[in-house]
Amino acid sequence: MSLGVMQAVRGAGLKPGSIAITGQDMELSAAQAIVEGKMFGTLWPAPDEMAVRAGKVAVALARCETPQTDATVNNGVGDVPWAKTPIYLITDKEMPAFACAHQFWLKLDDVYKNVPAKKPTCK
């Protein structure tokens, strides 16, 4: 949807980047728009961290143990345990570290394809 909003902004004759647009998917075109200054940022729900946390909860449940949780959420019937996982806002500032750490998700050369001078050197 954020990419559609970018098109609407452009269609309205506004300068790309003049309105802070964020998304929630961290796909390649969004990452490119962020490093190009056309989009403010996107949310990364950290599926890798989510999978590890879900695995720990599943193993605890399989062992008939109480899984470690961080809070509860009331669903209208009762309090449900919540094993929280982080969600990160990735902007141009965080993109170099993100792109270097998550090359299994997005290739560095692809993210910085249109702005190669901004491409970071990963350690």
PDB file of N, CA and C in Angstrom:
ATOM      1  N   MET A   1       0.807  -1.187   0.000  1.00  0.00           N
ATOM      2  CA  MET A   1       0.000   0.000   0.000  1.00  0.00           C
ATOM      3  C   MET A   1       0.855   1.258   0.000  1.00  0.00           C
ATOM      4  N   SER A   2       1.987   1.200   0.686  1.00  0.00           N
ATOM      5  CA  SER A   2       2.834   2.394   0.743  1.00  0.00           C
ATOM      6  C   SER A   2       3.329   2.785  -0.641  1.00  0.00           C
ATOM      7  N   LEU A   3       3.566   1.812  -1.483  1.00  0.00           N
ATOM      8  CA  LEU A   3       4.017   2.123  -2.842  1.00  0.00           C
ATOM      9  C   LEU A   3       2.882   2.783  -3.631  1.00  0.00           C
ATOM     10  N   GLY A   4       1.647   2.391  -3.375  1.00  0.00           N
ATOM     11  CA  GLY A   4       0.493   3.038  -3.982  1.00  0.00           C
ATOM     12  C   GLY A   4       0.339   4.466  -3.490  1.00  0.00           C
ATOM     13  N   VAL A   5       0.612   4.681  -2.222  1.00  0.00           N
ATOM     14  CA  VAL A   5       0.566   6.039  -1.675  1.00  0.00           C
ATOM     15  C   VAL A   5       1.638   6.895  -2.343  1.00  0.00           C
ATOM     16  N   MET A   6       2.818   6.320  -2.560  1.00  0.00           N
ATOM     17  CA  MET A   6       3.885   7.066  -3.249  1.00  0.00           C
ATOM     18  C   MET A   6       3.418   7.478  -4.642  1.00  0.00           C
ATOM     19  N   GLN A   7       2.732   6.578  -5.343  1.00  0.00           N
ATOM     20  CA  GLN A   7       2.217   6.902  -6.679  1.00  0.00           C
ATOM     21  C   GLN A   7       1.179   8.019  -6.599  1.00  0.00           C
ATOM     22  N   ALA A   8       0.332   7.988  -5.584  1.00  0.00           N
ATOM     23  CA  ALA A   8      -0.685   9.030  -5.414  1.00  0.00           C
ATOM     24  C   ALA A   8      -0.035  10.383  -5.130  1.00  0.00           C
ATOM     25  N   VAL A   9       1.005  10.383  -4.317  1.00  0.00           N
ATOM     26  CA  VAL A   9       1.728  11.625  -4.016  1.00  0.00           C
ATOM     27  C   VAL A   9       2.331  12.185  -5.300  1.00  0.00           C
ATOM     28  N   ARG A  10       2.963  11.315  -6.056  1.00  0.00           N
ATOM     29  CA  ARG A  10       3.560  11.729  -7.328  1.00  0.00           C
ATOM     30  C   ARG A  10       2.480  12.216  -8.295  1.00  0.00           C
ATOM     31  N   GLY A  11       1.348  11.492  -8.343  1.00  0.00           N
ATOM     32  CA  GLY A  11       0.242  11.869  -9.210  1.00  0.00           C
ATOM     33  C   GLY A  11      -0.383  13.204  -8.834  1.00  0.00           C
ATOM     34  N   ALA A  12      -0.274  13.569  -7.559  1.00  0.00           N
ATOM     35  CA  ALA A  12      -0.803  14.855  -7.094  1.00  0.00           C
ATOM     36  C   ALA A  12       0.175  15.987  -7.370  1.00  0.00           C
ATOM     37  N   GLY A  13       1.314  15.646  -7.961  1.00  0.00           N
ATOM     38  CA  GLY A  13       2.296  16.666  -8.298  1.00  0.00           C
ATOM     39  C   GLY A  13       3.207  17.060  -7.152  1.00  0.00           C
ATOM     40  N   LEU A  14       3.187  16.273  -6.089  1.00  0.00           N
ATOM     41  CA  LEU A  14       4.055  16.562  -4.944  1.00  0.00           C
ATOM     42  C   LEU A  14       5.408  15.892  -5.127  1.00  0.00           C
ATOM     43  N   LYS A  15       6.424  16.498  -4.563  1.00  0.00           N
ATOM     44  CA  LYS A  15       7.787  15.982  -4.662  1.00  0.00           C
ATOM     45  C   LYS A  15       7.908  14.677  -3.858  1.00  0.00           C
ATOM     46  N   PRO A  16       8.487  13.622  -4.455  1.00  0.00           N
ATOM     47  CA  PRO A  16       8.722  12.384  -3.693  1.00  0.00           C
ATOM     48  C   PRO A  16       9.552  12.693  -2.442  1.00  0.00           C
ATOM     49  N   GLY A  17       9.110  12.166  -1.311  1.00  0.00           N
ATOM     50  CA  GLY A  17       9.804  12.400  -0.052  1.00  0.00           C
ATOM     51  C   GLY A  17       9.275  13.602   0.712  1.00  0.00           C
ATOM     52  N   SER A  18       8.362  14.373   0.096  1.00  0.00           N
ATOM     53  CA  SER A  18       7.835  15.562   0.771  1.00  0.00           C
ATOM     54  C   SER A  18       6.797  15.209   1.831  1.00  0.00           C
ATOM     55  N   ILE A  19       6.264  14.004   1.767  1.00  0.00           N
ATOM     56  CA  ILE A  19       5.320  13.494   2.761  1.00  0.00           C
ATOM     57  C   ILE A  19       5.924  12.216   3.321  1.00  0.00           C
ATOM     58  N   ALA A  20       5.939  12.104   4.639  1.00  0.00           N
ATOM     59  CA  ALA A  20       6.523  10.919   5.284  1.00  0.00           C
ATOM     60  C   ALA A  20       5.605   9.720   5.077  1.00  0.00           C
ATOM     61  N   ILE A  21       6.032   8.800   4.231  1.00  0.00           N
ATOM     62  CA  ILE A  21       5.263   7.589   3.931  1.00  0.00           C
ATOM     63  C   ILE A  21       5.993   6.406   4.556  1.00  0.00           C
ATOM     64  N   THR A  22       5.245   5.551   5.227  1.00  0.00           N
ATOM     65  CA  THR A  22       5.817   4.327   5.780  1.00  0.00           C
ATOM     66  C   THR A  22       5.016   3.134   5.304  1.00  0.00           C
ATOM     67  N   GLY A  23       5.644   1.979   5.344  1.00  0.00           N
ATOM     68  CA  GLY A  23       4.995   0.744   4.953  1.00  0.00           C
ATOM     69  C   GLY A  23       5.179  -0.300   6.031  1.00  0.00           C
ATOM     70  N   GLN A  24       4.813  -1.510   5.689  1.00  0.00           N
ATOM     71  CA  GLN A  24       4.898  -2.585   6.673  1.00  0.00           C
ATOM     72  C   GLN A  24       5.224  -3.903   5.992  1.00  0.00           C
ATOM     73  N   ASP A  25       6.318  -3.944   5.261  1.00  0.00           N
ATOM     74  CA  ASP A  25       6.605  -5.203   4.595  1.00  0.00           C
ATOM     75  C   ASP A  25       8.078  -5.419   4.268  1.00  0.00           C
ATOM     76  N   MET A  26       8.833  -4.362   4.134  1.00  0.00           N
ATOM     77  CA  MET A  26      10.258  -4.439   3.811  1.00  0.00           C
ATOM     78  C   MET A  26      10.510  -5.238   2.544  1.00  0.00           C
ATOM     79  N   GLU A  27       9.731  -4.959   1.507  1.00  0.00           N
ATOM     80  CA  GLU A  27      10.016  -5.567   0.224  1.00  0.00           C
ATOM     81  C   GLU A  27      11.059  -4.722  -0.502  1.00  0.00           C
ATOM     82  N   LEU A  28      11.622  -5.278  -1.555  1.00  0.00           N
ATOM     83  CA  LEU A  28      12.717  -4.623  -2.265  1.00  0.00           C
ATOM     84  C   LEU A  28      12.348  -3.222  -2.737  1.00  0.00           C
ATOM     85  N   SER A  29      11.206  -3.055  -3.381  1.00  0.00           N
ATOM     86  CA  SER A  29      10.859  -1.732  -3.908  1.00  0.00           C
ATOM     87  C   SER A  29      10.703  -0.707  -2.787  1.00  0.00           C
ATOM     88  N   ALA A  30      10.241  -1.128  -1.630  1.00  0.00           N
ATOM     89  CA  ALA A  30      10.142  -0.223  -0.481  1.00  0.00           C
ATOM     90  C   ALA A  30      11.539   0.133   0.028  1.00  0.00           C
ATOM     91  N   ALA A  31      12.417  -0.852   0.141  1.00  0.00           N
ATOM     92  CA  ALA A  31      13.787  -0.580   0.597  1.00  0.00           C
ATOM     93  C   ALA A  31      14.488   0.383  -0.355  1.00  0.00           C
ATOM     94  N   GLN A  32      14.286   0.185  -1.649  1.00  0.00           N
ATOM     95  CA  GLN A  32      14.887   1.092  -2.638  1.00  0.00           C
ATOM     96  C   GLN A  32      14.331   2.502  -2.480  1.00  0.00           C
ATOM     97  N   ALA A  33      13.026   2.618  -2.302  1.00  0.00           N
ATOM     98  CA  ALA A  33      12.408   3.937  -2.138  1.00  0.00           C
ATOM     99  C   ALA A  33      12.934   4.634  -0.892  1.00  0.00           C
ATOM    100  N   ILE A  34      13.202   3.875   0.154  1.00  0.00           N
ATOM    101  CA  ILE A  34      13.731   4.456   1.395  1.00  0.00           C
ATOM    102  C   ILE A  34      15.126   5.024   1.162  1.00  0.00           C
ATOM    103  N   VAL A  35      16.019   4.246   0.562  1.00  0.00           N
ATOM    104  CA  VAL A  35      17.394   4.740   0.365  1.00  0.00           C
ATOM    105  C   VAL A  35      17.456   5.839  -0.689  1.00  0.00           C
ATOM    106  N   GLU A  36      16.442   5.905  -1.554  1.00  0.00           N
ATOM    107  CA  GLU A  36      16.380   6.963  -2.570  1.00  0.00           C
ATOM    108  C   GLU A  36      15.725   8.236  -2.034  1.00  0.00           C
ATOM    109  N   GLY A  37      15.215   8.178  -0.788  1.00  0.00           N
ATOM    110  CA  GLY A  37      14.592   9.350  -0.184  1.00  0.00           C
ATOM    111  C   GLY A  37      13.153   9.588  -0.596  1.00  0.00           C
ATOM    112  N   LYS A  38      12.521   8.604  -1.200  1.00  0.00           N
ATOM    113  CA  LYS A  38      11.134   8.740  -1.648  1.00  0.00           C
ATOM    114  C   LYS A  38      10.134   8.276  -0.590  1.00  0.00           C
ATOM    115  N   MET A  39      10.615   7.490   0.356  1.00  0.00           N
ATOM    116  CA  MET A  39       9.756   6.933   1.397  1.00  0.00           C
ATOM    117  C   MET A  39      10.500   7.053   2.719  1.00  0.00           C
ATOM    118  N   PHE A  40       9.777   7.339   3.803  1.00  0.00           N
ATOM    119  CA  PHE A  40      10.422   7.525   5.103  1.00  0.00           C
ATOM    120  C   PHE A  40      10.944   6.217   5.688  1.00  0.00           C
ATOM    121  N   GLY A  41      10.117   5.181   5.694  1.00  0.00           N
ATOM    122  CA  GLY A  41      10.553   3.927   6.304  1.00  0.00           C
ATOM    123  C   GLY A  41       9.529   2.834   6.133  1.00  0.00           C
ATOM    124  N   THR A  42       9.869   1.688   6.681  1.00  0.00           N
ATOM    125  CA  THR A  42       8.968   0.540   6.663  1.00  0.00           C
ATOM    126  C   THR A  42       9.166  -0.247   7.948  1.00  0.00           C
ATOM    127  N   LEU A  43       8.158  -0.977   8.325  1.00  0.00           N
ATOM    128  CA  LEU A  43       8.252  -1.794   9.527  1.00  0.00           C
ATOM    129  C   LEU A  43       8.753  -3.185   9.168  1.00  0.00           C
ATOM    130  N   TRP A  44       9.635  -3.696   9.983  1.00  0.00           N
ATOM    131  CA  TRP A  44      10.181  -5.044   9.833  1.00  0.00           C
ATOM    132  C   TRP A  44       9.708  -5.854  11.031  1.00  0.00           C
ATOM    133  N   PRO A  45       8.808  -6.818  10.806  1.00  0.00           N
ATOM    134  CA  PRO A  45       8.288  -7.595  11.925  1.00  0.00           C
ATOM    135  C   PRO A  45       9.232  -8.690  12.405  1.00  0.00           C
ATOM    136  N   ALA A  46      10.429  -8.725  11.888  1.00  0.00           N
ATOM    137  CA  ALA A  46      11.463  -9.665  12.316  1.00  0.00           C
ATOM    138  C   ALA A  46      10.982 -11.117  12.311  1.00  0.00           C
ATOM    139  N   PRO A  47      10.628 -11.652  11.134  1.00  0.00           N
ATOM    140  CA  PRO A  47      10.136 -13.029  11.086  1.00  0.00           C
ATOM    141  C   PRO A  47      11.161 -14.036  11.593  1.00  0.00           C
ATOM    142  N   ASP A  48      12.447 -13.715  11.475  1.00  0.00           N
ATOM    143  CA  ASP A  48      13.469 -14.620  11.998  1.00  0.00           C
ATOM    144  C   ASP A  48      13.383 -14.708  13.522  1.00  0.00           C
ATOM    145  N   GLU A  49      13.233 -13.560  14.180  1.00  0.00           N
ATOM    146  CA  GLU A  49      13.105 -13.547  15.640  1.00  0.00           C
ATOM    147  C   GLU A  49      11.753 -14.119  16.068  1.00  0.00           C
ATOM    148  N   MET A  50      10.724 -13.848  15.269  1.00  0.00           N
ATOM    149  CA  MET A  50       9.395 -14.371  15.553  1.00  0.00           C
ATOM    150  C   MET A  50       9.404 -15.902  15.500  1.00  0.00           C
ATOM    151  N   ALA A  51      10.096 -16.467  14.522  1.00  0.00           N
ATOM    152  CA  ALA A  51      10.155 -17.921  14.372  1.00  0.00           C
ATOM    153  C   ALA A  51      10.866 -18.571  15.555  1.00  0.00           C
ATOM    154  N   VAL A  52      11.958 -17.963  16.001  1.00  0.00           N
ATOM    155  CA  VAL A  52      12.691 -18.508  17.153  1.00  0.00           C
ATOM    156  C   VAL A  52      11.803 -18.478  18.399  1.00  0.00           C
ATOM    157  N   ARG A  53      11.126 -17.344  18.605  1.00  0.00           N
ATOM    158  CA  ARG A  53      10.258 -17.230  19.780  1.00  0.00           C
ATOM    159  C   ARG A  53       9.107 -18.224  19.708  1.00  0.00           C
ATOM    160  N   ALA A  54       8.501 -18.364  18.532  1.00  0.00           N
ATOM    161  CA  ALA A  54       7.396 -19.322  18.362  1.00  0.00           C
ATOM    162  C   ALA A  54       7.881 -20.750  18.604  1.00  0.00           C
ATOM    163  N   GLY A  55       9.094 -21.052  18.160  1.00  0.00           N
ATOM    164  CA  GLY A  55       9.656 -22.378  18.387  1.00  0.00           C
ATOM    165  C   GLY A  55       9.832 -22.669  19.869  1.00  0.00           C
ATOM    166  N   LYS A  56      10.295 -21.672  20.622  1.00  0.00           N
ATOM    167  CA  LYS A  56      10.469 -21.854  22.074  1.00  0.00           C
ATOM    168  C   LYS A  56       9.127 -22.077  22.767  1.00  0.00           C
ATOM    169  N   VAL A  57       8.109 -21.333  22.335  1.00  0.00           N
ATOM    170  CA  VAL A  57       6.776 -21.518  22.906  1.00  0.00           C
ATOM    171  C   VAL A  57       6.250 -22.913  22.559  1.00  0.00           C
ATOM    172  N   ALA A  58       6.425 -23.337  21.316  1.00  0.00           N
ATOM    173  CA  ALA A  58       5.946 -24.655  20.889  1.00  0.00           C
ATOM    174  C   ALA A  58       6.631 -25.781  21.652  1.00  0.00           C
ATOM    175  N   VAL A  59       7.936 -25.666  21.843  1.00  0.00           N
ATOM    176  CA  VAL A  59       8.669 -26.707  22.590  1.00  0.00           C
ATOM    177  C   VAL A  59       8.178 -26.761  24.034  1.00  0.00           C
ATOM    178  N   ALA A  60       7.983 -25.616  24.657  1.00  0.00           N
ATOM    179  CA  ALA A  60       7.482 -25.596  26.038  1.00  0.00           C
ATOM    180  C   ALA A  60       6.107 -26.257  26.115  1.00  0.00           C
ATOM    181  N   LEU A  61       5.245 -25.922  25.182  1.00  0.00           N
ATOM    182  CA  LEU A  61       3.900 -26.517  25.181  1.00  0.00           C
ATOM    183  C   LEU A  61       3.952 -28.025  24.936  1.00  0.00           C
ATOM    184  N   ALA A  62       4.840 -28.459  24.043  1.00  0.00           N
ATOM    185  CA  ALA A  62       4.987 -29.884  23.765  1.00  0.00           C
ATOM    186  C   ALA A  62       5.486 -30.649  24.993  1.00  0.00           C
ATOM    187  N   ARG A  63       6.242 -29.960  25.851  1.00  0.00           N
ATOM    188  CA  ARG A  63       6.749 -30.579  27.088  1.00  0.00           C
ATOM    189  C   ARG A  63       5.776 -30.395  28.254  1.00  0.00           C
ATOM    190  N   CYS A  64       4.583 -29.863  27.948  1.00  0.00           N
ATOM    191  CA  CYS A  64       3.567 -29.581  28.975  1.00  0.00           C
ATOM    192  C   CYS A  64       4.082 -28.580  30.007  1.00  0.00           C
ATOM    193  N   GLU A  65       4.923 -27.672  29.566  1.00  0.00           N
ATOM    194  CA  GLU A  65       5.448 -26.599  30.413  1.00  0.00           C
ATOM    195  C   GLU A  65       4.735 -25.299  30.059  1.00  0.00           C
ATOM    196  N   THR A  66       4.809 -24.358  30.952  1.00  0.00           N
ATOM    197  CA  THR A  66       4.247 -23.041  30.682  1.00  0.00           C
ATOM    198  C   THR A  66       5.284 -22.233  29.912  1.00  0.00           C
ATOM    199  N   PRO A  67       4.945 -21.789  28.708  1.00  0.00           N
ATOM    200  CA  PRO A  67       5.925 -21.013  27.940  1.00  0.00           C
ATOM    201  C   PRO A  67       6.173 -19.649  28.574  1.00  0.00           C
ATOM    202  N   GLN A  68       7.362 -19.122  28.340  1.00  0.00           N
ATOM    203  CA  GLN A  68       7.702 -17.790  28.831  1.00  0.00           C
ATOM    204  C   GLN A  68       6.927 -16.769  28.003  1.00  0.00           C
ATOM    205  N   THR A  69       6.202 -15.892  28.668  1.00  0.00           N
ATOM    206  CA  THR A  69       5.458 -14.831  27.996  1.00  0.00           C
ATOM    207  C   THR A  69       5.834 -13.489  28.623  1.00  0.00           C
ATOM    208  N   ASP A  70       5.438 -12.428  27.943  1.00  0.00           N
ATOM    209  CA  ASP A  70       5.819 -11.088  28.391  1.00  0.00           C
ATOM    210  C   ASP A  70       4.648 -10.282  28.931  1.00  0.00           C
ATOM    211  N   ALA A  71       3.457 -10.643  28.517  1.00  0.00           N
ATOM    212  CA  ALA A  71       2.270  -9.886  28.886  1.00  0.00           C
ATOM    213  C   ALA A  71       1.046 -10.739  28.589  1.00  0.00           C
ATOM    214  N   THR A  72      -0.109 -10.157  28.807  1.00  0.00           N
ATOM    215  CA  THR A  72      -1.352 -10.793  28.405  1.00  0.00           C
ATOM    216  C   THR A  72      -2.168  -9.789  27.591  1.00  0.00           C
ATOM    217  N   VAL A  73      -3.030 -10.329  26.756  1.00  0.00           N
ATOM    218  CA  VAL A  73      -3.950  -9.520  25.964  1.00  0.00           C
ATOM    219  C   VAL A  73      -5.345 -10.060  26.239  1.00  0.00           C
ATOM    220  N   ASN A  74      -6.255  -9.163  26.571  1.00  0.00           N
ATOM    221  CA  ASN A  74      -7.620  -9.606  26.823  1.00  0.00           C
ATOM    222  C   ASN A  74      -8.374  -9.638  25.502  1.00  0.00           C
ATOM    223  N   ASN A  75      -8.887 -10.816  25.162  1.00  0.00           N
ATOM    224  CA  ASN A  75      -9.610 -10.991  23.896  1.00  0.00           C
ATOM    225  C   ASN A  75     -11.119 -10.880  24.061  1.00  0.00           C
ATOM    226  N   GLY A  76     -11.560 -10.363  25.183  1.00  0.00           N
ATOM    227  CA  GLY A  76     -12.987 -10.231  25.443  1.00  0.00           C
ATOM    228  C   GLY A  76     -13.556 -11.397  26.230  1.00  0.00           C
ATOM    229  N   VAL A  77     -12.814 -12.492  26.274  1.00  0.00           N
ATOM    230  CA  VAL A  77     -13.231 -13.676  27.024  1.00  0.00           C
ATOM    231  C   VAL A  77     -12.331 -13.853  28.237  1.00  0.00           C
ATOM    232  N   GLY A  78     -11.063 -13.521  28.055  1.00  0.00           N
ATOM    233  CA  GLY A  78     -10.106 -13.661  29.143  1.00  0.00           C
ATOM    234  C   GLY A  78      -8.739 -13.170  28.718  1.00  0.00           C
ATOM    235  N   ASP A  79      -7.813 -13.241  29.640  1.00  0.00           N
ATOM    236  CA  ASP A  79      -6.439 -12.826  29.355  1.00  0.00           C
ATOM    237  C   ASP A  79      -5.686 -13.964  28.677  1.00  0.00           C
ATOM    238  N   VAL A  80      -5.094 -13.651  27.527  1.00  0.00           N
ATOM    239  CA  VAL A  80      -4.345 -14.626  26.740  1.00  0.00           C
ATOM    240  C   VAL A  80      -2.865 -14.283  26.856  1.00  0.00           C
ATOM    241  N   PRO A  81      -2.017 -15.260  27.210  1.00  0.00           N
ATOM    242  CA  PRO A  81      -0.578 -14.980  27.297  1.00  0.00           C
ATOM    243  C   PRO A  81      -0.018 -14.510  25.956  1.00  0.00           C
ATOM    244  N   TRP A  82       0.916 -13.601  26.022  1.00  0.00           N
ATOM    245  CA  TRP A  82       1.497 -13.004  24.812  1.00  0.00           C
ATOM    246  C   TRP A  82       3.015 -13.127  24.875  1.00  0.00           C
ATOM    247  N   ALA A  83       3.569 -13.841  23.926  1.00  0.00           N
ATOM    248  CA  ALA A  83       5.029 -13.926  23.770  1.00  0.00           C
ATOM    249  C   ALA A  83       5.403 -12.888  22.711  1.00  0.00           C
ATOM    250  N   LYS A  84       5.779 -11.712  23.165  1.00  0.00           N
ATOM    251  CA  LYS A  84       6.037 -10.593  22.255  1.00  0.00           C
ATOM    252  C   LYS A  84       7.272 -10.823  21.400  1.00  0.00           C
ATOM    253  N   THR A  85       7.203 -10.304  20.186  1.00  0.00           N
ATOM    254  CA  THR A  85       8.370 -10.257  19.309  1.00  0.00           C
ATOM    255  C   THR A  85       8.490  -8.813  18.810  1.00  0.00           C
ATOM    256  N   PRO A  86       9.698  -8.378  18.531  1.00  0.00           N
ATOM    257  CA  PRO A  86       9.888  -6.976  18.173  1.00  0.00           C
ATOM    258  C   PRO A  86       9.423  -6.645  16.758  1.00  0.00           C
ATOM    259  N   ILE A  87       9.090  -5.381  16.579  1.00  0.00           N
ATOM    260  CA  ILE A  87       8.818  -4.814  15.266  1.00  0.00           C
ATOM    261  C   ILE A  87       9.702  -3.579  15.167  1.00  0.00           C
ATOM    262  N   TYR A  88      10.473  -3.499  14.114  1.00  0.00           N
ATOM    263  CA  TYR A  88      11.444  -2.416  13.952  1.00  0.00           C
ATOM    264  C   TYR A  88      11.030  -1.459  12.846  1.00  0.00           C
ATOM    265  N   LEU A  89      11.219  -0.170  13.070  1.00  0.00           N
ATOM    266  CA  LEU A  89      11.060   0.820  12.017  1.00  0.00           C
ATOM    267  C   LEU A  89      12.416   0.981  11.342  1.00  0.00           C
ATOM    268  N   ILE A  90      12.467   0.703  10.052  1.00  0.00           N
ATOM    269  CA  ILE A  90      13.711   0.826   9.290  1.00  0.00           C
ATOM    270  C   ILE A  90      13.595   2.047   8.389  1.00  0.00           C
ATOM    271  N   THR A  91      14.428   3.038   8.651  1.00  0.00           N
ATOM    272  CA  THR A  91      14.487   4.251   7.845  1.00  0.00           C
ATOM    273  C   THR A  91      15.820   4.251   7.099  1.00  0.00           C
ATOM    274  N   ASP A  92      16.104   5.322   6.397  1.00  0.00           N
ATOM    275  CA  ASP A  92      17.381   5.424   5.686  1.00  0.00           C
ATOM    276  C   ASP A  92      18.558   5.295   6.657  1.00  0.00           C
ATOM    277  N   LYS A  93      18.370   5.783   7.866  1.00  0.00           N
ATOM    278  CA  LYS A  93      19.435   5.716   8.881  1.00  0.00           C
ATOM    279  C   LYS A  93      19.756   4.260   9.272  1.00  0.00           C
ATOM    280  N   GLU A  94      18.727   3.431   9.417  1.00  0.00           N
ATOM    281  CA  GLU A  94      18.918   2.034   9.842  1.00  0.00           C
ATOM    282  C   GLU A  94      19.165   1.081   8.681  1.00  0.00           C
ATOM    283  N   MET A  95      18.874   1.515   7.461  1.00  0.00           N
ATOM    284  CA  MET A  95      18.941   0.610   6.315  1.00  0.00           C
ATOM    285  C   MET A  95      20.321  -0.020   6.092  1.00  0.00           C
ATOM    286  N   PRO A  96      21.430   0.734   6.218  1.00  0.00           N
ATOM    287  CA  PRO A  96      22.728   0.067   5.997  1.00  0.00           C
ATOM    288  C   PRO A  96      22.948  -1.133   6.922  1.00  0.00           C
ATOM    289  N   ALA A  97      22.688  -0.958   8.212  1.00  0.00           N
ATOM    290  CA  ALA A  97      22.879  -2.067   9.158  1.00  0.00           C
ATOM    291  C   ALA A  97      21.896  -3.193   8.868  1.00  0.00           C
ATOM    292  N   PHE A  98      20.640  -2.825   8.545  1.00  0.00           N
ATOM    293  CA  PHE A  98      19.636  -3.839   8.236  1.00  0.00           C
ATOM    294  C   PHE A  98      20.034  -4.630   7.001  1.00  0.00           C
ATOM    295  N   ALA A  99      20.391  -3.919   5.936  1.00  0.00           N
ATOM    296  CA  ALA A  99      20.726  -4.577   4.673  1.00  0.00           C
ATOM    297  C   ALA A  99      21.944  -5.495   4.831  1.00  0.00           C
ATOM    298  N   CYS A 100      22.906  -5.063   5.619  1.00  0.00           N
ATOM    299  CA  CYS A 100      24.092  -5.906   5.846  1.00  0.00           C
ATOM    300  C   CYS A 100      23.742  -7.145   6.677  1.00  0.00           C
ATOM    301  N   ALA A 101      22.877  -6.988   7.658  1.00  0.00           N
ATOM    302  CA  ALA A 101      22.535  -8.100   8.556  1.00  0.00           C
ATOM    303  C   ALA A 101      21.505  -9.057   7.970  1.00  0.00           C
ATOM    304  N   HIS A 102      20.759  -8.626   6.953  1.00  0.00           N
ATOM    305  CA  HIS A 102      19.664  -9.444   6.423  1.00  0.00           C
ATOM    306  C   HIS A 102      19.816  -9.705   4.929  1.00  0.00           C
ATOM    307  N   GLN A 103      21.006 -10.061   4.491  1.00  0.00           N
ATOM    308  CA  GLN A 103      21.217 -10.294   3.067  1.00  0.00           C
ATOM    309  C   GLN A 103      20.502 -11.542   2.565  1.00  0.00           C
ATOM    310  N   PHE A 104      19.991 -12.351   3.488  1.00  0.00           N
ATOM    311  CA  PHE A 104      19.147 -13.475   3.086  1.00  0.00           C
ATOM    312  C   PHE A 104      17.773 -12.956   2.663  1.00  0.00           C
ATOM    313  N   TRP A 105      17.417 -11.757   3.101  1.00  0.00           N
ATOM    314  CA  TRP A 105      16.113 -11.166   2.789  1.00  0.00           C
ATOM    315  C   TRP A 105      16.190 -10.293   1.547  1.00  0.00           C
ATOM    316  N   LEU A 106      17.153  -9.367   1.534  1.00  0.00           N
ATOM    317  CA  LEU A 106      17.346  -8.450   0.409  1.00  0.00           C
ATOM    318  C   LEU A 106      18.829  -8.382   0.070  1.00  0.00           C
ATOM    319  N   LYS A 107      19.136  -8.435  -1.184  1.00  0.00           N
ATOM    320  CA  LYS A 107      20.530  -8.322  -1.630  1.00  0.00           C
ATOM    321  C   LYS A 107      20.955  -6.858  -1.573  1.00  0.00           C
ATOM    322  N   LEU A 108      22.113  -6.620  -1.015  1.00  0.00           N
ATOM    323  CA  LEU A 108      22.648  -5.269  -0.852  1.00  0.00           C
ATOM    324  C   LEU A 108      22.717  -4.527  -2.186  1.00  0.00           C
ATOM    325  N   ASP A 109      23.210  -5.200  -3.220  1.00  0.00           N
ATOM    326  CA  ASP A 109      23.314  -4.557  -4.538  1.00  0.00           C
ATOM    327  C   ASP A 109      21.942  -4.156  -5.075  1.00  0.00           C
ATOM    328  N   ASP A 110      20.914  -4.954  -4.781  1.00  0.00           N
ATOM    329  CA  ASP A 110      19.573  -4.633  -5.247  1.00  0.00           C
ATOM    330  C   ASP A 110      18.993  -3.430  -4.504  1.00  0.00           C
ATOM    331  N   VAL A 111      19.175  -3.394  -3.192  1.00  0.00           N
ATOM    332  CA  VAL A 111      18.651  -2.285  -2.389  1.00  0.00           C
ATOM    333  C   VAL A 111      19.239  -0.956  -2.858  1.00  0.00           C
ATOM    334  N   TYR A 112      20.535  -0.935  -3.104  1.00  0.00           N
ATOM    335  CA  TYR A 112      21.234   0.311  -3.452  1.00  0.00           C
ATOM    336  C   TYR A 112      21.464   0.448  -4.961  1.00  0.00           C
ATOM    337  N   LYS A 113      20.720  -0.294  -5.746  1.00  0.00           N
ATOM    338  CA  LYS A 113      20.880  -0.297  -7.206  1.00  0.00           C
ATOM    339  C   LYS A 113      20.848   1.110  -7.810  1.00  0.00           C
ATOM    340  N   ASN A 114      19.918   1.942  -7.367  1.00  0.00           N
ATOM    341  CA  ASN A 114      19.750   3.269  -7.939  1.00  0.00           C
ATOM    342  C   ASN A 114      20.541   4.365  -7.223  1.00  0.00           C
ATOM    343  N   VAL A 115      21.168   4.014  -6.115  1.00  0.00           N
ATOM    344  CA  VAL A 115      22.009   4.964  -5.373  1.00  0.00           C
ATOM    345  C   VAL A 115      23.287   4.249  -4.911  1.00  0.00           C
ATOM    346  N   PRO A 116      24.100   3.781  -5.852  1.00  0.00           N
ATOM    347  CA  PRO A 116      25.268   2.972  -5.487  1.00  0.00           C
ATOM    348  C   PRO A 116      26.263   3.696  -4.583  1.00  0.00           C
ATOM    349  N   ALA A 117      26.303   5.000  -4.628  1.00  0.00           N
ATOM    350  CA  ALA A 117      27.237   5.743  -3.779  1.00  0.00           C
ATOM    351  C   ALA A 117      26.865   5.622  -2.294  1.00  0.00           C
ATOM    352  N   LYS A 118      25.622   5.285  -1.999  1.00  0.00           N
ATOM    353  CA  LYS A 118      25.171   5.136  -0.607  1.00  0.00           C
ATOM    354  C   LYS A 118      25.351   3.713  -0.076  1.00  0.00           C
ATOM    355  N   LYS A 119      25.721   2.785  -0.968  1.00  0.00           N
ATOM    356  CA  LYS A 119      25.827   1.376  -0.568  1.00  0.00           C
ATOM    357  C   LYS A 119      26.876   1.210   0.524  1.00  0.00           C
ATOM    358  N   PRO A 120      26.497   0.622   1.639  1.00  0.00           N
ATOM    359  CA  PRO A 120      27.460   0.430   2.733  1.00  0.00           C
ATOM    360  C   PRO A 120      28.411  -0.721   2.467  1.00  0.00           C
ATOM    361  N   THR A 121      29.502  -0.696   3.160  1.00  0.00           N
ATOM    362  CA  THR A 121      30.440  -1.814   3.168  1.00  0.00           C
ATOM    363  C   THR A 121      30.128  -2.636   4.410  1.00  0.00           C
ATOM    364  N   CYS A 122      29.768  -3.882   4.219  1.00  0.00           N
ATOM    365  CA  CYS A 122      29.406  -4.743   5.350  1.00  0.00           C
ATOM    366  C   CYS A 122      30.647  -5.388   5.939  1.00  0.00           C
ATOM    367  N   LYS A 123      30.616  -5.572   7.243  1.00  0.00           N
ATOM    368  CA  LYS A 123      31.738  -6.213   7.951  1.00  0.00           C
ATOM    369  C   LYS A 123      31.566  -7.693   7.955  1.00  0.00           C
TER     370      LYS A 123
END
